[in-house]
Amino acid sequence: YGEVEQTLDDKDRIDQAARCMDCGVPFCHWGCPVGSKIPEWQDAIYRGRKEEAYYILHSTNSFPEITGRICPAPCEKSCVLAIHDEAVTIRENECATVEQAFEAGIVKANPPKIRTGKKVAIIGSGPAGLSAADLLNRAGHWVTVFEKNDAIGGLLRYGIPDFKLSKSVIDRRLELFVDEGII
């Protein structure tokens, strides 16, 4: 099975990002479980700053290419535009931004420059475990992830069907994690 999700082309993505109003009170930000800085990266998309958009998106999310595919998008339900019109297609913009960043070679392993010398074990490699491993690794700790199943990924790998989340997307991010020092 192939993924059913389609990413937006450049023009549609920019048009959608332009609809973001950078509200005084960004309810979309409040609705986002990972606290994504939605108005900021929508503005970067609109201005054609692909690298900046990716880095803003990745600053609060360990794997935006996955959430851009599977998140139920409570941010869109919180979008002020949704009161009288359709919300900005935030989730689709997220997925398109990350995929373009991968294609452009923007997404690269970024191991911490300084290590604390501390070692941390993470039990379970689902979304929470992998996010914790990523954040602890970024802080400079040595992180080892333990998983009872045959492959890393937990619910992402074993609970979400391929038509919704291709396992190659998970594997691509896991390769980055390994290159950054997570084992």
N, C-alpha and C. Protein backbone atom coordinates (compact mmCIF):
# COMPACT_ATOMS: atom_id res chain seq x y z
N TYR A 1 0.82 -1.18 0.00
CA TYR A 1 0.00 0.00 0.00
C TYR A 1 0.87 1.25 0.00
N GLY A 2 0.43 2.25 -0.72
CA GLY A 2 1.11 3.53 -0.70
C GLY A 2 0.32 4.50 0.17
N GLU A 3 0.97 5.55 0.61
CA GLU A 3 0.30 6.55 1.42
C GLU A 3 -0.81 7.22 0.64
N VAL A 4 -1.89 7.52 1.32
CA VAL A 4 -3.00 8.22 0.67
C VAL A 4 -2.85 9.73 0.78
N GLU A 5 -1.99 10.17 1.69
CA GLU A 5 -1.80 11.61 1.91
C GLU A 5 -1.06 12.23 0.73
N GLN A 6 -1.57 13.33 0.27
CA GLN A 6 -0.91 14.07 -0.80
C GLN A 6 -0.41 15.39 -0.24
N THR A 7 0.79 15.78 -0.62
CA THR A 7 1.30 17.07 -0.16
C THR A 7 0.93 18.14 -1.18
N LEU A 8 0.85 19.36 -0.71
CA LEU A 8 0.46 20.49 -1.56
C LEU A 8 1.62 20.90 -2.46
N ASP A 9 1.30 21.43 -3.63
CA ASP A 9 2.36 21.99 -4.46
C ASP A 9 2.75 23.36 -3.91
N ASP A 10 3.83 23.93 -4.44
CA ASP A 10 4.36 25.18 -3.90
C ASP A 10 3.34 26.31 -3.88
N LYS A 11 2.64 26.51 -4.97
CA LYS A 11 1.70 27.63 -5.04
C LYS A 11 0.58 27.48 -4.01
N ASP A 12 0.00 26.29 -3.93
CA ASP A 12 -1.08 26.05 -2.95
C ASP A 12 -0.58 26.21 -1.52
N ARG A 13 0.64 25.74 -1.26
CA ARG A 13 1.20 25.84 0.08
C ARG A 13 1.40 27.30 0.46
N ILE A 14 1.94 28.08 -0.45
CA ILE A 14 2.16 29.51 -0.19
C ILE A 14 0.82 30.24 -0.03
N ASP A 15 -0.15 29.89 -0.87
CA ASP A 15 -1.48 30.50 -0.75
C ASP A 15 -2.10 30.20 0.63
N GLN A 16 -1.95 28.96 1.08
CA GLN A 16 -2.48 28.60 2.39
C GLN A 16 -1.73 29.33 3.50
N ALA A 17 -0.41 29.39 3.41
CA ALA A 17 0.38 30.08 4.43
C ALA A 17 0.03 31.56 4.48
N ALA A 18 -0.29 32.15 3.33
CA ALA A 18 -0.67 33.56 3.27
C ALA A 18 -1.98 33.82 4.01
N ARG A 19 -2.81 32.81 4.13
CA ARG A 19 -4.09 32.96 4.83
C ARG A 19 -3.91 33.04 6.33
N CYS A 20 -2.76 32.58 6.85
CA CYS A 20 -2.50 32.65 8.29
C CYS A 20 -2.43 34.12 8.68
N MET A 21 -3.21 34.48 9.68
CA MET A 21 -3.37 35.90 10.02
C MET A 21 -2.39 36.36 11.08
N ASP A 22 -1.53 35.48 11.59
CA ASP A 22 -0.64 35.83 12.69
C ASP A 22 -1.45 36.55 13.77
N CYS A 23 -2.47 35.87 14.25
CA CYS A 23 -3.41 36.43 15.22
C CYS A 23 -2.69 36.94 16.46
N GLY A 24 -3.28 37.91 17.10
CA GLY A 24 -2.73 38.39 18.37
C GLY A 24 -2.68 37.28 19.40
N VAL A 25 -3.69 36.42 19.39
CA VAL A 25 -3.73 35.25 20.26
C VAL A 25 -3.84 34.04 19.33
N PRO A 26 -2.71 33.37 19.06
CA PRO A 26 -2.73 32.26 18.11
C PRO A 26 -3.32 30.99 18.72
N PHE A 27 -4.62 30.83 18.59
CA PHE A 27 -5.29 29.65 19.15
C PHE A 27 -4.77 28.36 18.53
N CYS A 28 -4.30 28.43 17.29
CA CYS A 28 -3.73 27.25 16.64
C CYS A 28 -2.54 26.72 17.47
N HIS A 29 -1.73 27.65 17.96
CA HIS A 29 -0.57 27.28 18.78
C HIS A 29 -1.05 26.58 20.05
N TRP A 30 -2.10 27.11 20.66
CA TRP A 30 -2.64 26.49 21.87
C TRP A 30 -3.23 25.11 21.59
N GLY A 31 -3.80 24.94 20.41
CA GLY A 31 -4.41 23.67 20.06
C GLY A 31 -3.40 22.59 19.70
N CYS A 32 -2.18 22.97 19.43
CA CYS A 32 -1.16 22.02 18.97
C CYS A 32 -0.55 21.26 20.17
N PRO A 33 -0.62 19.93 20.17
CA PRO A 33 -0.08 19.16 21.28
C PRO A 33 1.43 19.33 21.48
N VAL A 34 2.17 19.66 20.42
CA VAL A 34 3.62 19.84 20.57
C VAL A 34 4.02 21.32 20.64
N GLY A 35 3.03 22.21 20.69
CA GLY A 35 3.32 23.64 20.83
C GLY A 35 4.01 24.24 19.63
N SER A 36 3.69 23.75 18.45
CA SER A 36 4.31 24.26 17.23
C SER A 36 4.07 25.76 17.09
N LYS A 37 5.09 26.45 16.63
CA LYS A 37 5.01 27.90 16.42
C LYS A 37 4.40 28.16 15.03
N ILE A 38 3.15 27.85 14.91
CA ILE A 38 2.47 27.82 13.62
C ILE A 38 2.51 29.14 12.87
N PRO A 39 2.15 30.27 13.47
CA PRO A 39 2.21 31.52 12.69
C PRO A 39 3.62 31.83 12.18
N GLU A 40 4.64 31.49 12.97
CA GLU A 40 6.01 31.78 12.57
C GLU A 40 6.44 30.97 11.35
N TRP A 41 6.16 29.65 11.36
CA TRP A 41 6.61 28.88 10.20
C TRP A 41 5.69 29.06 9.00
N GLN A 42 4.43 29.42 9.23
CA GLN A 42 3.56 29.77 8.10
C GLN A 42 4.10 31.02 7.40
N ASP A 43 4.55 32.00 8.19
CA ASP A 43 5.11 33.22 7.62
C ASP A 43 6.39 32.91 6.83
N ALA A 44 7.22 32.03 7.36
CA ALA A 44 8.45 31.65 6.63
C ALA A 44 8.11 30.97 5.31
N ILE A 45 7.08 30.13 5.30
CA ILE A 45 6.63 29.50 4.05
C ILE A 45 6.19 30.57 3.06
N TYR A 46 5.35 31.47 3.53
CA TYR A 46 4.83 32.54 2.68
C TYR A 46 5.96 33.36 2.06
N ARG A 47 6.99 33.62 2.82
CA ARG A 47 8.11 34.43 2.35
C ARG A 47 9.15 33.63 1.56
N GLY A 48 8.89 32.34 1.38
CA GLY A 48 9.79 31.50 0.59
C GLY A 48 11.05 31.07 1.33
N ARG A 49 11.04 31.15 2.62
CA ARG A 49 12.21 30.77 3.44
C ARG A 49 12.04 29.32 3.91
N LYS A 50 12.29 28.39 3.02
CA LYS A 50 12.05 26.97 3.29
C LYS A 50 12.88 26.45 4.45
N GLU A 51 14.15 26.82 4.48
CA GLU A 51 15.02 26.33 5.55
C GLU A 51 14.56 26.86 6.91
N GLU A 52 14.25 28.12 6.97
CA GLU A 52 13.76 28.73 8.21
C GLU A 52 12.46 28.07 8.65
N ALA A 53 11.56 27.83 7.71
CA ALA A 53 10.28 27.18 8.04
C ALA A 53 10.53 25.81 8.66
N TYR A 54 11.45 25.05 8.07
CA TYR A 54 11.73 23.73 8.62
C TYR A 54 12.31 23.83 10.03
N TYR A 55 13.27 24.70 10.24
CA TYR A 55 13.91 24.80 11.55
C TYR A 55 12.94 25.28 12.63
N ILE A 56 12.05 26.18 12.29
CA ILE A 56 11.03 26.61 13.27
C ILE A 56 10.13 25.43 13.60
N LEU A 57 9.72 24.71 12.57
CA LEU A 57 8.84 23.55 12.76
C LEU A 57 9.53 22.48 13.60
N HIS A 58 10.79 22.21 13.32
CA HIS A 58 11.52 21.16 14.02
C HIS A 58 11.91 21.58 15.44
N SER A 59 11.88 22.86 15.75
CA SER A 59 12.30 23.32 17.08
C SER A 59 11.39 22.81 18.19
N THR A 60 10.15 22.49 17.88
CA THR A 60 9.22 22.00 18.90
C THR A 60 8.74 20.58 18.62
N ASN A 61 9.23 19.97 17.56
CA ASN A 61 8.71 18.68 17.13
C ASN A 61 9.85 17.80 16.65
N SER A 62 10.04 16.66 17.28
CA SER A 62 11.14 15.76 16.94
C SER A 62 10.97 15.10 15.57
N PHE A 63 9.75 14.96 15.11
CA PHE A 63 9.53 14.33 13.81
C PHE A 63 8.30 14.91 13.12
N PRO A 64 8.43 16.13 12.60
CA PRO A 64 7.28 16.78 11.95
C PRO A 64 6.80 16.06 10.69
N GLU A 65 7.66 15.28 10.06
CA GLU A 65 7.21 14.53 8.88
C GLU A 65 6.21 13.46 9.25
N ILE A 66 6.24 13.01 10.50
CA ILE A 66 5.29 12.01 10.96
C ILE A 66 4.00 12.69 11.42
N THR A 67 4.12 13.72 12.24
CA THR A 67 2.90 14.41 12.70
C THR A 67 2.17 15.06 11.53
N GLY A 68 2.90 15.49 10.52
CA GLY A 68 2.27 16.06 9.34
C GLY A 68 1.41 15.06 8.58
N ARG A 69 1.60 13.78 8.89
CA ARG A 69 0.81 12.73 8.24
C ARG A 69 -0.30 12.18 9.13
N ILE A 70 -0.04 12.07 10.43
CA ILE A 70 -0.99 11.34 11.28
C ILE A 70 -1.72 12.19 12.30
N CYS A 71 -1.31 13.42 12.53
CA CYS A 71 -1.95 14.25 13.55
C CYS A 71 -3.39 14.57 13.14
N PRO A 72 -4.33 14.52 14.07
CA PRO A 72 -5.72 14.88 13.74
C PRO A 72 -5.91 16.40 13.58
N ALA A 73 -4.85 17.17 13.71
CA ALA A 73 -4.83 18.61 13.45
C ALA A 73 -5.79 19.42 14.33
N PRO A 74 -5.66 19.32 15.65
CA PRO A 74 -6.48 20.19 16.50
C PRO A 74 -6.14 21.67 16.29
N CYS A 75 -4.97 21.94 15.74
CA CYS A 75 -4.59 23.33 15.42
C CYS A 75 -5.55 23.92 14.39
N GLU A 76 -5.94 23.12 13.41
CA GLU A 76 -6.85 23.62 12.37
C GLU A 76 -8.24 23.88 12.95
N LYS A 77 -8.65 23.06 13.90
CA LYS A 77 -9.95 23.28 14.54
C LYS A 77 -9.91 24.53 15.41
N SER A 78 -8.71 24.92 15.85
CA SER A 78 -8.54 26.11 16.69
C SER A 78 -8.25 27.37 15.88
N CYS A 79 -8.04 27.22 14.58
CA CYS A 79 -7.70 28.36 13.71
C CYS A 79 -8.85 29.38 13.71
N VAL A 80 -8.50 30.64 13.90
CA VAL A 80 -9.51 31.71 13.93
C VAL A 80 -10.28 31.78 12.62
N LEU A 81 -9.63 31.49 11.51
CA LEU A 81 -10.34 31.51 10.22
C LEU A 81 -11.48 30.50 10.19
N ALA A 82 -11.35 29.42 10.95
CA ALA A 82 -12.37 28.37 10.94
C ALA A 82 -13.71 28.83 11.50
N ILE A 83 -13.74 30.00 12.12
CA ILE A 83 -15.00 30.51 12.65
C ILE A 83 -15.97 30.80 11.50
N HIS A 84 -15.47 31.38 10.41
CA HIS A 84 -16.33 31.77 9.29
C HIS A 84 -15.92 31.19 7.94
N ASP A 85 -14.80 30.49 7.89
CA ASP A 85 -14.26 30.00 6.63
C ASP A 85 -13.51 28.70 6.92
N GLU A 86 -12.85 28.17 5.89
CA GLU A 86 -12.02 27.00 6.12
C GLU A 86 -10.71 27.43 6.78
N ALA A 87 -10.21 26.59 7.68
CA ALA A 87 -8.96 26.87 8.37
C ALA A 87 -7.79 26.77 7.39
N VAL A 88 -6.67 27.35 7.78
CA VAL A 88 -5.42 27.17 7.03
C VAL A 88 -5.10 25.68 7.06
N THR A 89 -4.59 25.14 5.97
CA THR A 89 -4.24 23.72 5.92
C THR A 89 -2.89 23.50 6.60
N ILE A 90 -2.88 23.64 7.90
CA ILE A 90 -1.64 23.61 8.68
C ILE A 90 -0.95 22.26 8.56
N ARG A 91 -1.70 21.18 8.72
CA ARG A 91 -1.09 19.84 8.69
C ARG A 91 -0.48 19.55 7.32
N GLU A 92 -1.17 19.90 6.26
CA GLU A 92 -0.63 19.66 4.93
C GLU A 92 0.60 20.53 4.68
N ASN A 93 0.58 21.77 5.18
CA ASN A 93 1.76 22.63 5.05
C ASN A 93 2.94 22.05 5.81
N GLU A 94 2.66 21.46 6.96
CA GLU A 94 3.72 20.84 7.75
C GLU A 94 4.37 19.71 6.96
N CYS A 95 3.56 18.83 6.42
CA CYS A 95 4.08 17.69 5.66
C CYS A 95 4.87 18.16 4.44
N ALA A 96 4.33 19.10 3.70
CA ALA A 96 5.00 19.61 2.51
C ALA A 96 6.32 20.28 2.87
N THR A 97 6.34 21.05 3.94
CA THR A 97 7.55 21.75 4.37
C THR A 97 8.67 20.76 4.67
N VAL A 98 8.34 19.72 5.42
CA VAL A 98 9.35 18.74 5.80
C VAL A 98 9.82 17.95 4.58
N GLU A 99 8.90 17.53 3.74
CA GLU A 99 9.31 16.76 2.56
C GLU A 99 10.22 17.60 1.65
N GLN A 100 9.90 18.88 1.49
CA GLN A 100 10.77 19.74 0.68
C GLN A 100 12.12 19.92 1.36
N ALA A 101 12.14 19.99 2.67
CA ALA A 101 13.41 20.13 3.39
C ALA A 101 14.28 18.89 3.20
N PHE A 102 13.67 17.71 3.21
CA PHE A 102 14.43 16.48 2.95
C PHE A 102 14.96 16.50 1.52
N GLU A 103 14.10 16.84 0.56
CA GLU A 103 14.52 16.87 -0.85
C GLU A 103 15.64 17.86 -1.10
N ALA A 104 15.64 18.98 -0.39
CA ALA A 104 16.65 20.03 -0.59
C ALA A 104 17.93 19.76 0.22
N GLY A 105 17.95 18.69 1.01
CA GLY A 105 19.13 18.39 1.81
C GLY A 105 19.26 19.25 3.05
N ILE A 106 18.19 19.91 3.45
CA ILE A 106 18.19 20.76 4.64
C ILE A 106 18.22 19.92 5.91
N VAL A 107 17.52 18.81 5.87
CA VAL A 107 17.43 17.93 7.04
C VAL A 107 18.70 17.08 7.09
N LYS A 108 19.50 17.32 8.11
CA LYS A 108 20.76 16.59 8.30
C LYS A 108 20.91 16.25 9.77
N ALA A 109 21.71 15.25 10.03
CA ALA A 109 22.02 14.92 11.42
C ALA A 109 22.72 16.10 12.07
N ASN A 110 22.32 16.40 13.30
CA ASN A 110 22.89 17.51 14.04
C ASN A 110 23.22 17.06 15.46
N PRO A 111 24.31 16.26 15.60
CA PRO A 111 24.64 15.78 16.94
C PRO A 111 25.07 16.94 17.84
N PRO A 112 24.85 16.80 19.14
CA PRO A 112 25.23 17.88 20.05
C PRO A 112 26.74 18.12 20.01
N LYS A 113 27.13 19.37 20.11
CA LYS A 113 28.55 19.72 20.06
C LYS A 113 29.25 19.36 21.37
N ILE A 114 28.52 19.39 22.47
CA ILE A 114 29.08 19.08 23.78
C ILE A 114 28.23 17.99 24.42
N ARG A 115 28.90 16.97 24.96
CA ARG A 115 28.22 15.90 25.67
C ARG A 115 28.40 16.08 27.18
N THR A 116 27.34 15.78 27.91
CA THR A 116 27.37 15.94 29.37
C THR A 116 28.09 14.79 30.06
N GLY A 117 28.19 13.66 29.37
CA GLY A 117 28.76 12.47 29.98
C GLY A 117 27.72 11.61 30.67
N LYS A 118 26.51 12.12 30.79
CA LYS A 118 25.44 11.37 31.42
C LYS A 118 24.80 10.43 30.40
N LYS A 119 24.37 9.26 30.90
CA LYS A 119 23.72 8.26 30.05
C LYS A 119 22.28 8.10 30.50
N VAL A 120 21.38 8.00 29.52
CA VAL A 120 19.95 7.85 29.81
C VAL A 120 19.42 6.67 29.01
N ALA A 121 18.61 5.83 29.66
CA ALA A 121 17.94 4.73 28.99
C ALA A 121 16.48 5.10 28.81
N ILE A 122 15.97 4.90 27.62
CA ILE A 122 14.55 5.12 27.31
C ILE A 122 13.95 3.74 27.06
N ILE A 123 12.91 3.43 27.78
CA ILE A 123 12.23 2.14 27.61
C ILE A 123 10.99 2.38 26.75
N GLY A 124 11.00 1.82 25.57
CA GLY A 124 9.89 1.98 24.63
C GLY A 124 10.23 3.00 23.56
N SER A 125 9.94 2.63 22.32
CA SER A 125 10.34 3.49 21.20
C SER A 125 9.15 4.03 20.43
N GLY A 126 8.06 4.25 21.14
CA GLY A 126 6.92 4.90 20.51
C GLY A 126 7.18 6.39 20.38
N PRO A 127 6.16 7.15 20.03
CA PRO A 127 6.34 8.59 19.85
C PRO A 127 6.90 9.29 21.09
N ALA A 128 6.40 8.93 22.27
CA ALA A 128 6.87 9.58 23.50
C ALA A 128 8.32 9.21 23.78
N GLY A 129 8.66 7.95 23.64
CA GLY A 129 10.03 7.51 23.88
C GLY A 129 11.02 8.14 22.92
N LEU A 130 10.66 8.17 21.65
CA LEU A 130 11.57 8.76 20.65
C LEU A 130 11.69 10.27 20.83
N SER A 131 10.60 10.93 21.19
CA SER A 131 10.68 12.37 21.45
C SER A 131 11.57 12.66 22.66
N ALA A 132 11.40 11.88 23.72
CA ALA A 132 12.24 12.05 24.91
C ALA A 132 13.70 11.79 24.57
N ALA A 133 13.95 10.75 23.78
CA ALA A 133 15.33 10.43 23.38
C ALA A 133 15.94 11.58 22.59
N ASP A 134 15.16 12.15 21.68
CA ASP A 134 15.66 13.26 20.87
C ASP A 134 15.98 14.48 21.73
N LEU A 135 15.08 14.84 22.62
CA LEU A 135 15.29 16.01 23.47
C LEU A 135 16.48 15.82 24.42
N LEU A 136 16.60 14.64 24.99
CA LEU A 136 17.73 14.36 25.88
C LEU A 136 19.05 14.36 25.11
N ASN A 137 19.01 13.83 23.90
CA ASN A 137 20.21 13.83 23.06
C ASN A 137 20.61 15.26 22.69
N ARG A 138 19.62 16.09 22.33
CA ARG A 138 19.91 17.49 22.01
C ARG A 138 20.54 18.21 23.20
N ALA A 139 20.17 17.79 24.42
CA ALA A 139 20.73 18.39 25.63
C ALA A 139 22.15 17.89 25.91
N GLY A 140 22.62 16.92 25.13
CA GLY A 140 23.99 16.45 25.26
C GLY A 140 24.18 15.15 26.00
N HIS A 141 23.10 14.49 26.40
CA HIS A 141 23.22 13.22 27.11
C HIS A 141 23.35 12.08 26.09
N TRP A 142 24.01 11.00 26.50
CA TRP A 142 24.06 9.80 25.67
C TRP A 142 22.76 9.03 25.91
N VAL A 143 22.06 8.69 24.85
CA VAL A 143 20.74 8.08 24.99
C VAL A 143 20.71 6.72 24.29
N THR A 144 20.18 5.74 25.00
CA THR A 144 19.95 4.42 24.43
C THR A 144 18.47 4.11 24.55
N VAL A 145 17.87 3.68 23.45
CA VAL A 145 16.44 3.36 23.40
C VAL A 145 16.30 1.84 23.38
N PHE A 146 15.47 1.32 24.27
CA PHE A 146 15.19 -0.11 24.34
C PHE A 146 13.76 -0.36 23.87
N GLU A 147 13.59 -1.38 23.06
CA GLU A 147 12.28 -1.72 22.50
C GLU A 147 12.10 -3.23 22.56
N LYS A 148 10.93 -3.69 22.98
CA LYS A 148 10.66 -5.13 23.08
C LYS A 148 10.39 -5.77 21.72
N ASN A 149 9.91 -5.00 20.77
CA ASN A 149 9.58 -5.55 19.45
C ASN A 149 10.82 -5.65 18.57
N ASP A 150 10.63 -6.21 17.39
CA ASP A 150 11.74 -6.44 16.46
C ASP A 150 12.37 -5.15 15.94
N ALA A 151 11.59 -4.08 15.85
CA ALA A 151 12.10 -2.84 15.27
C ALA A 151 11.65 -1.64 16.11
N ILE A 152 12.43 -0.59 16.03
CA ILE A 152 12.12 0.66 16.73
C ILE A 152 10.92 1.33 16.07
N GLY A 153 10.09 1.96 16.86
CA GLY A 153 8.97 2.71 16.31
C GLY A 153 7.68 2.58 17.11
N GLY A 154 7.55 1.54 17.90
CA GLY A 154 6.36 1.37 18.73
C GLY A 154 5.07 1.52 17.94
N LEU A 155 4.17 2.35 18.47
CA LEU A 155 2.87 2.56 17.84
C LEU A 155 3.01 3.09 16.41
N LEU A 156 4.02 3.92 16.18
CA LEU A 156 4.21 4.45 14.83
C LEU A 156 4.41 3.32 13.82
N ARG A 157 5.20 2.33 14.20
CA ARG A 157 5.51 1.23 13.28
C ARG A 157 4.43 0.14 13.29
N TYR A 158 3.94 -0.21 14.48
CA TYR A 158 3.06 -1.37 14.59
C TYR A 158 1.58 -1.02 14.72
N GLY A 159 1.25 0.22 14.94
CA GLY A 159 -0.15 0.59 15.16
C GLY A 159 -0.77 1.42 14.05
N ILE A 160 0.06 1.98 13.17
CA ILE A 160 -0.46 2.84 12.11
C ILE A 160 -0.22 2.14 10.77
N PRO A 161 -1.27 1.94 9.99
CA PRO A 161 -1.10 1.21 8.73
C PRO A 161 -0.26 2.01 7.71
N ASP A 162 0.34 1.25 6.79
CA ASP A 162 1.23 1.84 5.78
C ASP A 162 0.55 2.90 4.92
N PHE A 163 -0.74 2.76 4.65
CA PHE A 163 -1.39 3.75 3.79
C PHE A 163 -1.51 5.11 4.48
N LYS A 164 -1.35 5.14 5.79
CA LYS A 164 -1.39 6.39 6.54
C LYS A 164 0.02 6.90 6.85
N LEU A 165 0.94 5.98 7.14
CA LEU A 165 2.32 6.33 7.47
C LEU A 165 3.26 5.25 6.93
N SER A 166 3.95 5.56 5.86
CA SER A 166 4.91 4.63 5.28
C SER A 166 6.05 4.40 6.27
N LYS A 167 6.43 3.15 6.43
CA LYS A 167 7.50 2.83 7.38
C LYS A 167 8.84 3.42 6.93
N SER A 168 8.99 3.74 5.67
CA SER A 168 10.22 4.38 5.20
C SER A 168 10.38 5.78 5.79
N VAL A 169 9.27 6.44 6.10
CA VAL A 169 9.32 7.77 6.73
C VAL A 169 9.88 7.63 8.15
N ILE A 170 9.45 6.60 8.86
CA ILE A 170 9.97 6.34 10.21
C ILE A 170 11.46 6.01 10.13
N ASP A 171 11.81 5.11 9.22
CA ASP A 171 13.20 4.68 9.09
C ASP A 171 14.13 5.84 8.72
N ARG A 172 13.66 6.74 7.90
CA ARG A 172 14.46 7.91 7.51
C ARG A 172 14.79 8.76 8.73
N ARG A 173 13.82 8.99 9.62
CA ARG A 173 14.06 9.77 10.83
C ARG A 173 14.95 8.99 11.80
N LEU A 174 14.75 7.68 11.90
CA LEU A 174 15.57 6.87 12.81
C LEU A 174 17.04 6.89 12.39
N GLU A 175 17.30 6.92 11.10
CA GLU A 175 18.69 7.03 10.61
C GLU A 175 19.31 8.33 11.10
N LEU A 176 18.55 9.41 11.08
CA LEU A 176 19.05 10.68 11.59
C LEU A 176 19.34 10.60 13.09
N PHE A 177 18.43 9.97 13.84
CA PHE A 177 18.63 9.82 15.27
C PHE A 177 19.92 9.06 15.56
N VAL A 178 20.17 7.97 14.82
CA VAL A 178 21.38 7.19 15.01
C VAL A 178 22.61 8.04 14.68
N ASP A 179 22.55 8.78 13.58
CA ASP A 179 23.66 9.65 13.19
C ASP A 179 23.91 10.76 14.22
N GLU A 180 22.89 11.11 14.98
CA GLU A 180 23.04 12.13 16.02
C GLU A 180 23.50 11.54 17.36
N GLY A 181 23.61 10.22 17.42
CA GLY A 181 24.15 9.58 18.62
C GLY A 181 23.18 8.79 19.46
N ILE A 182 21.93 8.68 19.05
CA ILE A 182 20.95 7.89 19.79
C ILE A 182 21.09 6.44 19.33
N ILE A 183 21.22 5.53 20.28
CA ILE A 183 21.36 4.10 19.90
C ILE A 183 20.28 3.27 20.54
